[in-house]
Amino acid sequence: MLEGSRILLVEDEYLLASLLKEILEDLGAEVIGPFARVGPALDSLHDDAMPQIACST
């Protein structure tokens, strides 16, 4: 369903972030992160690895 999608994941709750990452990867997504804060998440991005989807809870 998400095969080939790059998703930027920002979540400050460690267990939730870990679970979301696992679920997204199981659905075929490439997960960038997780990051606990938006600033570091944005700093990690490069032109060649821009996400197609960004999610924060």
Protein backbone atom coordinates (compact mmCIF):
# COMPACT_ATOMS: atom_id res chain seq x y z
CA MET A 1 0.00 0.00 0.00
CA LEU A 2 2.80 2.44 0.86
CA GLU A 3 5.45 0.63 -1.20
CA GLY A 4 8.17 3.06 -2.23
CA SER A 5 6.81 6.00 -0.19
CA ARG A 6 9.21 8.02 1.96
CA ILE A 7 7.62 9.14 5.22
CA LEU A 8 9.08 11.61 7.71
CA LEU A 9 8.02 10.49 11.19
CA VAL A 10 8.04 12.92 14.12
CA GLU A 11 6.82 11.57 17.47
CA ASP A 12 8.17 12.33 20.93
CA GLU A 13 6.68 9.24 22.58
CA TYR A 14 9.33 6.55 22.08
CA LEU A 15 7.07 3.49 22.18
CA LEU A 16 4.52 5.02 19.83
CA ALA A 17 7.25 6.16 17.43
CA SER A 18 8.76 2.68 17.40
CA LEU A 19 5.38 1.05 16.74
CA LEU A 20 4.47 3.51 13.98
CA LYS A 21 7.82 2.98 12.29
CA GLU A 22 7.37 -0.79 12.36
CA ILE A 23 3.84 -0.57 10.94
CA LEU A 24 4.84 1.84 8.18
CA GLU A 25 7.82 -0.30 7.19
CA ASP A 26 5.61 -3.42 7.15
CA LEU A 27 3.38 -1.55 4.69
CA GLY A 28 6.40 -0.96 2.44
CA ALA A 29 7.31 2.62 3.35
CA GLU A 30 10.82 3.97 3.82
CA VAL A 31 10.67 5.76 7.17
CA ILE A 32 12.89 8.77 7.82
CA GLY A 33 13.20 8.92 11.59
CA PRO A 34 11.54 8.77 13.96
CA PHE A 35 12.49 12.12 15.43
CA ALA A 36 11.28 13.54 18.73
CA ARG A 37 11.21 17.15 17.48
CA VAL A 38 10.42 18.89 14.19
CA GLY A 39 13.66 20.91 14.06
CA PRO A 40 16.03 17.94 13.97
CA ALA A 41 13.68 16.14 11.58
CA LEU A 42 13.85 19.01 9.10
CA ASP A 43 17.62 19.32 9.56
CA SER A 44 18.02 15.68 8.53
CA LEU A 45 16.43 16.16 5.12
CA HIS A 46 18.39 16.30 1.90
CA ASP A 47 17.16 17.08 -1.60
CA ASP A 48 17.64 13.47 -2.67
CA ALA A 49 15.69 12.09 0.29
CA MET A 50 12.72 14.41 0.60
CA PRO A 51 9.69 12.67 2.06
CA GLN A 52 6.46 12.30 0.15
CA ILE A 53 4.52 12.22 3.41
CA ALA A 54 5.19 13.80 6.80
CA CYS A 55 3.38 12.72 9.95
CA SER A 56 3.44 13.95 13.49
CA THR A 57 1.14 13.00 16.32
